[in-house]
Amino acid sequence: MHYRLSADPILPHYIAVDAHLTGIQNQSEVELQLPAWRPGRYELQQFAKNIQRFEIVDKTGQPLPFRKTTKDRWLVHTNGATELTIRYNYYSLLSTPNLLNAGSSFISDSLLYVNPVNLCLYAEGRIDEPCTLELAIPDGWTIACGLTQVDEKTLRAADFYALVDCPLIAAPVIQHVQYEVNGVSFHVWIQGGRRSDGDYTFDAERIIDDFSRFSEKQLALYGEFPEQEYHFLTLVLPVPYYHGVEHRNSTVLVLGPNDEGEGLYVDLLGVSSHELFHAWNIIRIRPTELLPYDFTKENYFPTCFVAEGVTTYYGDLMLRQSGVFNDEAYLKELQVLFKRHFEANGRAFQSLVESSWDLWLDGYDKGVPDRKVSVYHKGAIAALILDLHIRQRTDHARSLDDVMRMMWQQFGKPFVGYTLDDYRTITETVAGESLDWYYDLCIFGNQPLETKLNEYLAWVGLTVLYEESTPDTIGGIRLLELNDATARQQRDRWFNGWLTAPSSGDMLSEGPGDDVIAKQA
């Protein structure tokens, strides 16, 4: 399939799409499908509702008969045609001005921002074929995208899955910052990154220094990177915003306001580290229920607490362990995490597994009180408890790092998909014991976690408590440091990611013929 995107010649705020399908052999009918959801957002978004006009013609321009068979599927009668063109337009004006999000598409005189999954359809049975994407943009515009750029205005994808997992930004001016870690090229693209005084919102040298550090730390955890290059596609808005979405070899980050200063840079670091960790965890270490993606319906899976919770935990931890964050900055982020869970849904009815499953129902809406938990927030707390439990039991000889390395070697690198039982088996292998208590309490249960969390936080000299409001202070969850020198030493080892060298009897085998898990020194 060859796609061409342009501004609608008649209607503003519409992206015109021409999708050209060739190689139709002896088919009286062709079925066309537009995705109903996008990777990284596990809810139906019904992109077809944004299509205004729709027509299909053969190579001579003669209309072909077609009809809709579902909300986003069309059945075309070819009438003997060997190729056809689908012409339609996609509404890209958001309901609230200046509120682009990391999963939408937008067009204006100075920006083309596209998530191809929003507006590119595919032919049934041909989803694995190569695609090209042509952009009708002015000469001299810069294209930021993880796809291979064939020429100034054309991109190539190995198949439809690659196409829709590679968003793009095209604009006359985009700040480009590049760095390299272990032979992998990283690109930070920033559009709209100017303050009201005209200066760049972010300092390029500071980005190179900090991004290099947390990228190097993440690569060290896994030992390798899944891709040859990676792109941070960043849109900076004049209004408050914070959003990021992971993709195959890129991420889209939407942040604001551009005049916020240091707080905006901290946001950039936090969301960037989180999304980079997804390059392994969910992009490649993927639940079996999502292999391959079925874009026509819900893809239910119970392990989003691994995909998002573990990633949320590591996103900030990697910033601390790499030295980008100091102790104070990391503890501040931990307190925010604890407040978001315990003050919002710490007594919710659902477990993490139930809330993972129900993402497709209302996972991104506030919902009714005390029904669900956040797979991000409670999932990160569950990951923290597991990490500290393994570290405490093994005197830092093992950690959650070993779990994720084994997940990468057994499921991510071969790209075969894992189940909840697979994850449980690996965590128990690394812990060297049954974790019935952990899964019953943290994963399958809905009991409050404050008591168990504080047992492990005490080991590293921390505690969580609830403070009542006073006339002078606002109450709520507080993370406090304990006056315990021994516990502080344990915290230092955790914060610095330091693991002791295991004894010869403490090595973990991943199975016959597999390498022993590497330990960080």
Protein backbone atom coordinates (compact mmCIF):
# COMPACT_ATOMS: atom_id res chain seq x y z
CA MET A 1 0.00 0.00 0.00
CA HIS A 2 1.20 3.50 -0.86
CA TYR A 3 -0.23 6.40 1.15
CA ARG A 4 -0.13 10.09 0.32
CA LEU A 5 -1.04 12.67 2.98
CA SER A 6 -1.83 16.28 2.18
CA ALA A 7 -3.88 19.21 3.37
CA ASP A 8 -7.47 18.92 2.23
CA PRO A 9 -7.75 21.43 -0.67
CA ILE A 10 -11.21 22.58 0.40
CA LEU A 11 -11.66 22.01 4.11
CA PRO A 12 -9.23 23.31 6.75
CA HIS A 13 -8.21 21.01 9.59
CA TYR A 14 -8.65 17.90 7.45
CA ILE A 15 -5.81 15.64 6.31
CA ALA A 16 -6.50 14.24 2.84
CA VAL A 17 -5.46 10.61 2.37
CA ASP A 18 -4.92 8.76 -0.89
CA ALA A 19 -4.25 5.06 -0.28
CA HIS A 20 -3.15 3.18 -3.40
CA LEU A 21 -3.43 -0.62 -3.45
CA THR A 22 -1.79 -2.58 -6.27
CA GLY A 23 -1.30 -6.24 -7.08
CA ILE A 24 -4.95 -7.30 -6.82
CA GLN A 25 -4.99 -10.74 -8.39
CA ASN A 26 -8.20 -12.55 -9.35
CA GLN A 27 -10.15 -11.01 -6.47
CA SER A 28 -13.74 -9.99 -6.92
CA GLU A 29 -13.75 -8.34 -3.49
CA VAL A 30 -11.25 -6.57 -1.21
CA GLU A 31 -11.82 -5.79 2.45
CA LEU A 32 -10.34 -2.60 3.89
CA GLN A 33 -9.88 -2.00 7.62
CA LEU A 34 -9.11 1.14 9.62
CA PRO A 35 -7.71 0.51 13.13
CA ALA A 36 -10.06 1.04 16.06
CA TRP A 37 -7.29 1.61 18.63
CA ARG A 38 -3.61 2.40 18.77
CA PRO A 39 -0.60 0.72 20.41
CA GLY A 40 0.17 2.19 23.82
CA ARG A 41 -3.45 3.13 24.52
CA TYR A 42 -5.58 0.14 25.39
CA GLU A 43 -9.02 1.49 24.67
CA LEU A 44 -11.20 1.67 21.57
CA GLN A 45 -10.91 5.12 20.01
CA GLN A 46 -12.94 4.54 16.85
CA PHE A 47 -10.83 6.57 14.44
CA ALA A 48 -13.35 6.04 11.62
CA LYS A 49 -15.63 8.61 13.22
CA ASN A 50 -13.19 11.31 12.05
CA ILE A 51 -13.58 10.44 8.36
CA GLN A 52 -15.91 12.83 6.50
CA ARG A 53 -15.80 11.73 2.87
CA PHE A 54 -14.81 8.35 1.42
CA GLU A 55 -14.57 7.07 -2.16
CA ILE A 56 -12.82 4.29 -4.06
CA VAL A 57 -11.78 4.38 -7.71
CA ASP A 58 -9.91 2.11 -10.11
CA LYS A 59 -6.75 3.12 -11.98
CA THR A 60 -8.78 4.93 -14.64
CA GLY A 61 -10.57 6.99 -12.00
CA GLN A 62 -13.87 5.15 -12.33
CA PRO A 63 -15.76 4.69 -9.03
CA LEU A 64 -15.92 1.19 -7.61
CA PRO A 65 -18.92 -0.04 -5.59
CA PHE A 66 -18.35 -0.60 -1.88
CA ARG A 67 -20.26 -0.82 1.38
CA LYS A 68 -19.47 -0.68 5.06
CA THR A 69 -19.63 -4.01 6.87
CA THR A 70 -18.65 -2.70 10.34
CA LYS A 71 -18.03 0.74 11.84
CA ASP A 72 -14.52 0.82 10.32
CA ARG A 73 -14.45 -1.89 7.63
CA TRP A 74 -15.36 -1.61 3.94
CA LEU A 75 -16.06 -4.31 1.35
CA VAL A 76 -15.03 -3.26 -2.17
CA HIS A 77 -16.21 -4.92 -5.41
CA THR A 78 -13.20 -4.75 -7.71
CA ASN A 79 -15.05 -5.30 -11.01
CA GLY A 80 -11.85 -6.85 -12.33
CA ALA A 81 -9.56 -3.98 -11.28
CA THR A 82 -5.95 -4.92 -10.48
CA GLU A 83 -5.36 -1.77 -8.47
CA LEU A 84 -7.48 0.80 -6.68
CA THR A 85 -7.20 4.10 -4.80
CA ILE A 86 -9.10 4.93 -1.64
CA ARG A 87 -9.63 8.67 -1.15
CA TYR A 88 -10.85 10.08 2.12
CA ASN A 89 -10.17 12.87 4.60
CA TYR A 90 -9.51 12.80 8.33
CA TYR A 91 -10.60 15.53 10.74
CA SER A 92 -7.61 16.67 12.78
CA LEU A 93 -8.87 19.68 14.72
CA LEU A 94 -8.91 18.87 18.42
CA SER A 95 -11.83 19.93 20.53
CA THR A 96 -9.64 22.06 22.81
CA PRO A 97 -7.13 24.48 21.22
CA ASN A 98 -3.41 23.82 21.87
CA LEU A 99 -4.11 20.40 23.37
CA LEU A 100 -2.42 18.04 20.97
CA ASN A 101 -1.87 14.68 22.60
CA ALA A 102 0.70 12.01 21.94
CA GLY A 103 -1.74 9.82 20.03
CA SER A 104 -3.53 12.26 17.74
CA SER A 105 -2.91 13.82 14.32
CA PHE A 106 -2.88 17.49 13.36
CA ILE A 107 -2.28 19.72 10.36
CA SER A 108 -1.70 23.47 10.03
CA ASP A 109 0.37 25.85 7.93
CA SER A 110 3.40 25.22 10.17
CA LEU A 111 3.01 21.63 11.38
CA LEU A 112 2.06 18.18 10.15
CA TYR A 113 1.86 15.74 13.05
CA VAL A 114 0.59 12.25 12.24
CA ASN A 115 0.04 9.01 14.06
CA PRO A 116 -0.52 6.80 11.00
CA VAL A 117 -2.65 4.41 13.04
CA ASN A 118 -5.31 7.15 13.18
CA LEU A 119 -5.85 7.41 9.45
CA CYS A 120 -4.12 4.66 7.45
CA LEU A 121 -6.24 1.66 6.55
CA TYR A 122 -4.98 -1.71 5.33
CA ALA A 123 -6.21 -4.46 3.01
CA GLU A 124 -7.22 -7.67 4.72
CA GLY A 125 -4.64 -10.39 4.12
CA ARG A 126 -1.93 -7.92 3.15
CA ILE A 127 -1.04 -6.34 6.49
CA ASP A 128 2.48 -7.82 6.33
CA GLU A 129 3.39 -6.16 3.02
CA PRO A 130 5.76 -3.15 2.74
CA CYS A 131 4.25 0.36 2.78
CA THR A 132 5.36 3.78 1.62
CA LEU A 133 4.13 7.09 3.01
CA GLU A 134 4.41 10.27 0.94
CA LEU A 135 3.94 13.68 2.56
CA ALA A 136 2.73 16.63 0.50
CA ILE A 137 4.68 19.22 2.50
CA PRO A 138 6.53 22.36 1.43
CA ASP A 139 10.11 22.02 0.22
CA GLY A 140 12.69 22.35 2.97
CA TRP A 141 10.53 21.05 5.82
CA THR A 142 12.20 18.66 8.25
CA ILE A 143 10.67 15.22 8.88
CA ALA A 144 11.24 13.60 12.27
CA CYS A 145 10.27 9.93 12.27
CA GLY A 146 11.61 6.46 13.04
CA LEU A 147 10.80 5.16 9.55
CA THR A 148 13.39 4.97 6.79
CA GLN A 149 13.33 8.16 4.73
CA VAL A 150 13.48 7.28 1.02
CA ASP A 151 13.65 10.86 -0.22
CA GLU A 152 12.85 14.37 0.98
CA LYS A 153 9.14 13.63 1.36
CA THR A 154 8.73 9.82 1.35
CA LEU A 155 9.06 7.25 4.12
CA ARG A 156 9.16 3.45 3.92
CA ALA A 157 7.87 0.82 6.38
CA ALA A 158 8.54 -2.92 6.35
CA ASP A 159 4.84 -3.62 6.94
CA PHE A 160 1.66 -2.04 8.27
CA TYR A 161 2.61 -2.85 11.88
CA ALA A 162 5.81 -0.82 11.48
CA LEU A 163 3.99 2.00 9.73
CA VAL A 164 1.40 2.55 12.46
CA ASP A 165 4.01 2.28 15.22
CA CYS A 166 6.06 5.16 13.79
CA PRO A 167 4.49 8.62 14.27
CA LEU A 168 5.98 11.62 12.50
CA ILE A 169 6.42 15.36 12.85
CA ALA A 170 7.06 17.57 9.81
CA ALA A 171 7.66 21.30 10.18
CA PRO A 172 9.80 24.10 8.79
CA VAL A 173 11.81 24.34 12.02
CA ILE A 174 12.53 21.46 14.41
CA GLN A 175 15.35 21.49 16.94
CA HIS A 176 17.44 18.32 16.55
CA VAL A 177 19.72 17.03 19.30
CA GLN A 178 21.70 13.83 18.71
CA TYR A 179 23.80 11.59 20.94
CA GLU A 180 25.17 8.06 20.82
CA VAL A 181 25.39 5.30 23.43
CA ASN A 182 27.09 1.95 22.73
CA GLY A 183 26.79 2.41 18.98
CA VAL A 184 23.07 3.30 19.10
CA SER A 185 22.08 6.69 17.67
CA PHE A 186 19.50 8.65 19.70
CA HIS A 187 17.67 11.67 18.32
CA VAL A 188 15.72 14.26 20.29
CA TRP A 189 13.41 16.28 18.02
CA ILE A 190 11.68 19.33 19.54
CA GLN A 191 8.92 21.26 17.76
CA GLY A 192 7.51 24.41 19.35
CA GLY A 193 10.43 24.54 21.74
CA ARG A 194 10.81 28.29 22.03
CA ARG A 195 10.08 30.39 25.09
CA SER A 196 8.28 33.72 24.82
CA ASP A 197 11.69 35.44 24.83
CA GLY A 198 12.66 33.53 21.69
CA ASP A 199 15.29 31.25 23.28
CA TYR A 200 15.13 27.47 23.01
CA THR A 201 13.04 25.87 25.76
CA PHE A 202 15.70 23.21 26.42
CA ASP A 203 19.49 23.42 26.41
CA ALA A 204 20.96 20.97 23.90
CA GLU A 205 24.15 20.22 25.84
CA ARG A 206 22.17 19.50 28.99
CA ILE A 207 19.93 17.12 27.05
CA ILE A 208 22.94 15.29 25.65
CA ASP A 209 24.50 14.89 29.09
CA ASP A 210 21.39 13.77 30.98
CA PHE A 211 19.83 11.65 28.22
CA SER A 212 23.15 9.90 27.61
CA ARG A 213 23.36 8.94 31.27
CA PHE A 214 19.91 7.41 31.67
CA SER A 215 20.09 5.78 28.23
CA GLU A 216 23.41 4.18 29.11
CA LYS A 217 21.97 2.93 32.41
CA GLN A 218 19.00 1.30 30.69
CA LEU A 219 21.18 -0.32 28.05
CA ALA A 220 23.42 -1.67 30.81
CA LEU A 221 20.43 -3.26 32.52
CA TYR A 222 19.42 -5.25 29.44
CA GLY A 223 22.86 -5.55 27.84
CA GLU A 224 21.67 -4.46 24.40
CA PHE A 225 19.17 -2.25 22.58
CA PRO A 226 16.41 -3.64 20.35
CA GLU A 227 16.88 -1.07 17.57
CA GLN A 228 19.73 0.62 15.72
CA GLU A 229 18.37 4.09 16.50
CA TYR A 230 15.73 5.78 18.62
CA HIS A 231 13.75 9.03 18.30
CA PHE A 232 12.22 11.24 21.00
CA LEU A 233 9.58 13.25 19.07
CA THR A 234 8.72 16.19 21.32
CA LEU A 235 5.94 18.73 20.91
CA VAL A 236 6.08 21.70 23.30
CA LEU A 237 2.82 23.58 23.86
CA PRO A 238 2.14 27.02 25.38
CA VAL A 239 -0.31 25.42 27.85
CA PRO A 240 0.22 22.88 30.68
CA TYR A 241 0.45 19.33 29.33
CA TYR A 242 2.20 16.03 30.07
CA HIS A 243 1.77 13.00 27.84
CA GLY A 244 3.91 10.36 26.22
CA VAL A 245 3.33 7.24 24.12
CA GLU A 246 5.81 4.48 23.32
CA HIS A 247 6.50 3.17 19.82
CA ARG A 248 8.77 0.67 18.11
CA ASN A 249 11.86 2.86 17.80
CA SER A 250 10.46 6.18 18.96
CA THR A 251 8.18 7.97 21.36
CA VAL A 252 5.93 11.01 21.12
CA LEU A 253 6.15 13.44 24.04
CA VAL A 254 3.76 16.36 24.45
CA LEU A 255 4.73 18.84 27.18
CA GLY A 256 3.93 22.37 28.31
CA PRO A 257 3.90 25.19 29.06
CA ASN A 258 7.02 26.22 27.19
CA ASP A 259 7.78 28.98 29.74
CA GLU A 260 7.63 26.72 32.82
CA GLY A 261 11.40 26.48 33.18
CA GLU A 262 13.05 23.80 35.34
CA GLY A 263 9.79 22.00 36.04
CA LEU A 264 9.26 21.43 32.33
CA TYR A 265 12.76 20.00 31.97
CA VAL A 266 12.16 17.60 34.86
CA ASP A 267 8.96 16.54 33.10
CA LEU A 268 10.95 15.95 29.91
CA LEU A 269 13.43 13.75 31.78
CA GLY A 270 10.73 11.76 33.56
CA VAL A 271 8.58 10.97 30.56
CA SER A 272 11.60 10.32 28.31
CA SER A 273 13.15 7.80 30.69
CA HIS A 274 9.77 6.07 31.09
CA GLU A 275 9.15 5.83 27.36
CA LEU A 276 12.67 4.62 26.58
CA PHE A 277 12.22 1.74 29.03
CA HIS A 278 9.20 0.73 26.96
CA ALA A 279 11.56 0.04 24.02
CA TRP A 280 12.15 -3.26 25.80
CA ASN A 281 9.15 -3.61 28.10
CA ILE A 282 5.96 -3.82 25.95
CA ILE A 283 7.41 -3.06 22.53
CA ARG A 284 9.42 -6.31 22.61
CA ILE A 285 8.70 -7.90 26.01
CA ARG A 286 5.05 -8.12 25.04
CA PRO A 287 2.11 -10.05 26.49
CA THR A 288 1.16 -12.98 24.29
CA GLU A 289 -2.37 -11.56 23.98
CA LEU A 290 -0.91 -8.63 21.99
CA LEU A 291 1.05 -10.72 19.49
CA PRO A 292 0.18 -9.75 16.87
CA TYR A 293 -1.93 -6.66 17.41
CA ASP A 294 -5.54 -7.08 16.31
CA PHE A 295 -6.59 -3.55 15.41
CA THR A 296 -10.26 -4.47 14.90
CA LYS A 297 -11.23 -5.10 18.54
CA GLU A 298 -10.14 -5.16 22.18
CA ASN A 299 -6.97 -7.17 22.96
CA TYR A 300 -7.58 -8.07 26.61
CA PHE A 301 -4.56 -8.92 28.77
CA PRO A 302 -4.03 -9.19 32.56
CA THR A 303 -0.41 -8.00 32.75
CA CYS A 304 -0.52 -4.26 32.11
CA PHE A 305 0.85 -3.88 35.65
CA VAL A 306 4.08 -5.33 34.19
CA ALA A 307 4.00 -3.27 31.01
CA GLU A 308 3.17 0.04 32.70
CA GLY A 309 3.75 -0.47 36.43
CA VAL A 310 7.27 -1.87 36.12
CA THR A 311 8.08 0.79 33.52
CA THR A 312 6.78 3.58 35.76
CA TYR A 313 8.95 2.29 38.60
CA TYR A 314 12.07 2.06 36.46
CA GLY A 315 11.55 5.35 34.62
CA ASP A 316 12.39 7.42 37.70
CA LEU A 317 14.73 4.85 39.28
CA MET A 318 16.95 4.91 36.20
CA LEU A 319 17.22 8.68 36.55
CA ARG A 320 18.43 8.25 40.13
CA GLN A 321 20.74 5.31 39.44
CA SER A 322 22.32 7.15 36.51
CA GLY A 323 22.93 10.27 38.60
CA VAL A 324 20.58 12.50 36.63
CA PHE A 325 18.42 12.78 39.76
CA ASN A 326 19.89 13.19 43.23
CA ASP A 327 18.31 11.66 46.34
CA GLU A 328 16.05 14.64 46.94
CA ALA A 329 14.70 14.67 43.40
CA TYR A 330 14.01 10.93 43.39
CA LEU A 331 12.31 10.96 46.80
CA LYS A 332 10.11 13.78 45.56
CA GLU A 333 8.99 11.63 42.63
CA LEU A 334 8.36 8.68 44.97
CA GLN A 335 6.16 10.83 47.17
CA VAL A 336 4.15 11.93 44.14
CA LEU A 337 3.70 8.26 43.19
CA PHE A 338 2.52 7.31 46.67
CA LYS A 339 0.12 10.25 46.86
CA ARG A 340 -1.43 9.41 43.51
CA HIS A 341 -2.17 5.85 44.57
CA PHE A 342 -3.03 6.05 48.25
CA GLU A 343 -5.01 9.29 48.10
CA ALA A 344 -6.89 8.43 44.89
CA ASN A 345 -7.60 4.68 44.92
CA GLY A 346 -5.70 3.01 47.73
CA ARG A 347 -8.96 1.36 48.87
CA ALA A 348 -10.29 0.46 45.43
CA PHE A 349 -12.20 -2.76 44.91
CA GLN A 350 -10.32 -4.09 41.88
CA SER A 351 -6.96 -5.84 41.86
CA LEU A 352 -4.14 -4.98 39.47
CA VAL A 353 -5.06 -7.92 37.25
CA GLU A 354 -8.71 -6.84 37.12
CA SER A 355 -7.80 -3.24 36.36
CA SER A 356 -5.38 -4.41 33.64
CA TRP A 357 -8.20 -6.29 31.99
CA ASP A 358 -10.63 -3.40 32.33
CA LEU A 359 -8.37 -0.86 30.66
CA TRP A 360 -10.51 -1.49 27.61
CA LEU A 361 -13.62 -0.56 29.59
CA ASP A 362 -12.71 2.60 31.50
CA GLY A 363 -9.02 2.43 32.28
CA TYR A 364 -8.28 5.97 31.18
CA ASP A 365 -11.38 7.60 32.64
CA LYS A 366 -11.86 8.64 36.24
CA GLY A 367 -14.71 6.19 36.60
CA VAL A 368 -16.87 5.54 39.62
CA PRO A 369 -15.26 6.01 43.06
CA ASP A 370 -13.12 3.20 44.49
CA ARG A 371 -13.68 0.80 41.59
CA LYS A 372 -10.30 0.46 39.89
CA VAL A 373 -6.63 1.07 40.56
CA SER A 374 -4.04 2.62 38.27
CA VAL A 375 -1.82 0.01 36.64
CA TYR A 376 0.79 2.78 36.50
CA HIS A 377 0.73 3.86 40.15
CA LYS A 378 -0.17 0.70 42.06
CA GLY A 379 1.78 -1.28 39.48
CA ALA A 380 4.90 0.79 40.23
CA ILE A 381 4.42 0.32 43.99
CA ALA A 382 4.07 -3.43 43.47
CA ALA A 383 7.29 -3.40 41.43
CA LEU A 384 9.08 -1.43 44.17
CA ILE A 385 7.98 -3.94 46.84
CA LEU A 386 9.18 -6.85 44.71
CA ASP A 387 12.53 -5.20 43.97
CA LEU A 388 13.20 -4.45 47.64
CA HIS A 389 12.07 -7.93 48.67
CA ILE A 390 14.53 -9.59 46.29
CA ARG A 391 17.32 -7.21 47.31
CA GLN A 392 16.67 -7.75 51.00
CA ARG A 393 16.48 -11.52 50.72
CA THR A 394 19.72 -11.76 48.67
CA ASP A 395 21.64 -8.86 50.23
CA HIS A 396 21.50 -7.07 46.86
CA ALA A 397 22.88 -10.07 44.97
CA ARG A 398 19.72 -10.04 42.88
CA SER A 399 17.02 -7.51 42.08
CA LEU A 400 14.13 -6.78 39.76
CA ASP A 401 16.84 -6.08 37.17
CA ASP A 402 17.40 -9.84 36.96
CA VAL A 403 13.69 -10.40 36.37
CA MET A 404 13.62 -7.96 33.48
CA ARG A 405 16.82 -9.38 31.97
CA MET A 406 15.31 -12.86 32.02
CA MET A 407 12.08 -11.51 30.53
CA TRP A 408 14.14 -9.94 27.74
CA GLN A 409 16.17 -13.07 27.03
CA GLN A 410 13.25 -15.50 27.13
CA PHE A 411 10.44 -13.43 25.60
CA GLY A 412 11.57 -10.02 24.32
CA LYS A 413 14.62 -10.89 22.27
CA PRO A 414 12.94 -13.85 20.52
CA PHE A 415 9.69 -11.80 20.45
CA VAL A 416 7.40 -14.66 21.43
CA GLY A 417 5.08 -13.15 24.02
CA TYR A 418 4.69 -13.94 27.72
CA THR A 419 1.81 -14.87 30.00
CA LEU A 420 1.07 -13.93 33.59
CA ASP A 421 2.28 -17.38 34.64
CA ASP A 422 5.54 -16.79 32.75
CA TYR A 423 6.16 -13.55 34.64
CA ARG A 424 5.33 -15.21 37.96
CA THR A 425 7.70 -18.09 37.24
CA ILE A 426 10.59 -15.75 36.47
CA THR A 427 10.01 -13.57 39.55
CA GLU A 428 9.98 -16.67 41.77
CA THR A 429 13.10 -18.02 40.08
CA VAL A 430 14.97 -14.79 40.76
CA ALA A 431 13.64 -14.57 44.33
CA GLY A 432 14.56 -18.20 44.91
CA GLU A 433 11.26 -18.91 46.65
CA SER A 434 7.51 -18.99 46.29
CA LEU A 435 5.96 -15.53 46.07
CA ASP A 436 2.41 -16.57 46.94
CA TRP A 437 2.17 -13.78 49.52
CA TYR A 438 3.23 -11.18 46.97
CA TYR A 439 0.80 -12.21 44.25
CA ASP A 440 -2.07 -12.71 46.70
CA LEU A 441 -1.56 -9.25 48.22
CA CYS A 442 -0.16 -7.04 45.48
CA ILE A 443 -1.34 -8.54 42.19
CA PHE A 444 -4.54 -10.53 42.76
CA GLY A 445 -5.70 -8.82 45.95
CA ASN A 446 -7.30 -5.49 46.73
CA GLN A 447 -6.08 -5.03 50.29
CA PRO A 448 -4.34 -1.75 51.20
CA LEU A 449 -0.58 -1.82 50.67
CA GLU A 450 0.63 0.75 53.21
CA THR A 451 1.68 -1.76 55.86
CA LYS A 452 3.59 -4.05 53.50
CA LEU A 453 5.14 -1.10 51.68
CA ASN A 454 6.39 0.37 54.94
CA GLU A 455 8.01 -2.93 55.92
CA TYR A 456 10.26 -2.64 52.89
CA LEU A 457 10.70 1.11 53.00
CA ALA A 458 11.93 0.81 56.60
CA TRP A 459 14.74 -1.44 55.37
CA VAL A 460 15.98 1.48 53.25
CA GLY A 461 15.32 4.16 55.87
CA LEU A 462 12.00 5.50 54.61
CA THR A 463 8.37 5.47 55.70
CA VAL A 464 5.00 6.56 54.32
CA LEU A 465 2.40 8.08 56.61
CA TYR A 466 -0.75 10.16 56.41
CA GLU A 467 -0.68 13.61 57.97
CA GLU A 468 -3.85 15.42 58.95
CA SER A 469 -4.39 18.93 57.62
CA THR A 470 -3.77 21.87 59.93
CA PRO A 471 -4.64 25.55 59.56
CA ASP A 472 -1.15 26.09 58.14
CA THR A 473 -0.54 22.91 56.13
CA ILE A 474 -2.34 20.67 53.68
CA GLY A 475 -2.45 17.09 54.90
CA GLY A 476 -2.02 13.93 52.91
CA ILE A 477 0.52 11.22 52.20
CA ARG A 478 4.09 12.03 53.20
CA LEU A 479 7.31 10.15 52.48
CA LEU A 480 9.75 10.65 55.33
CA GLU A 481 13.37 9.64 55.93
CA LEU A 482 14.17 7.65 59.08
CA ASN A 483 17.19 8.33 61.26
CA ASP A 484 18.81 4.95 60.68
CA ALA A 485 22.39 4.82 59.44
CA THR A 486 22.29 1.12 58.55
CA ALA A 487 19.10 1.54 56.56
CA ARG A 488 20.61 4.53 54.81
CA GLN A 489 23.43 2.30 53.58
CA GLN A 490 20.87 -0.07 52.10
CA ARG A 491 19.14 2.85 50.43
CA ASP A 492 22.40 4.03 48.93
CA ARG A 493 22.97 0.58 47.41
CA TRP A 494 19.44 0.61 45.98
CA PHE A 495 19.65 4.18 44.68
CA ASN A 496 22.99 3.54 43.04
CA GLY A 497 21.85 0.27 41.47
CA TRP A 498 24.74 -1.54 43.08
CA LEU A 499 24.53 -5.32 43.31
CA THR A 500 26.91 -7.58 45.16
CA ALA A 501 28.69 -10.26 43.21
CA PRO A 502 26.82 -13.56 43.71
CA SER A 503 28.59 -16.60 45.04
CA SER A 504 29.16 -19.55 42.72
CA GLY A 505 26.11 -21.25 44.19
CA ASP A 506 23.93 -18.21 43.71
CA MET A 507 23.96 -18.05 39.94
CA LEU A 508 20.67 -18.24 38.07
CA SER A 509 20.43 -20.38 34.98
CA GLU A 510 17.88 -19.43 32.35
CA GLY A 511 17.73 -22.99 31.07
CA PRO A 512 19.93 -25.49 29.23
CA GLY A 513 22.41 -23.74 26.99
CA ASP A 514 21.41 -20.23 28.08
CA ASP A 515 23.78 -17.68 29.50
CA VAL A 516 23.94 -17.00 33.22
CA ILE A 517 22.29 -13.74 34.21
CA ALA A 518 24.84 -10.94 34.29
CA LYS A 519 25.27 -9.11 37.58
CA GLN A 520 26.11 -5.45 37.83
CA ALA A 521 29.22 -4.74 39.83
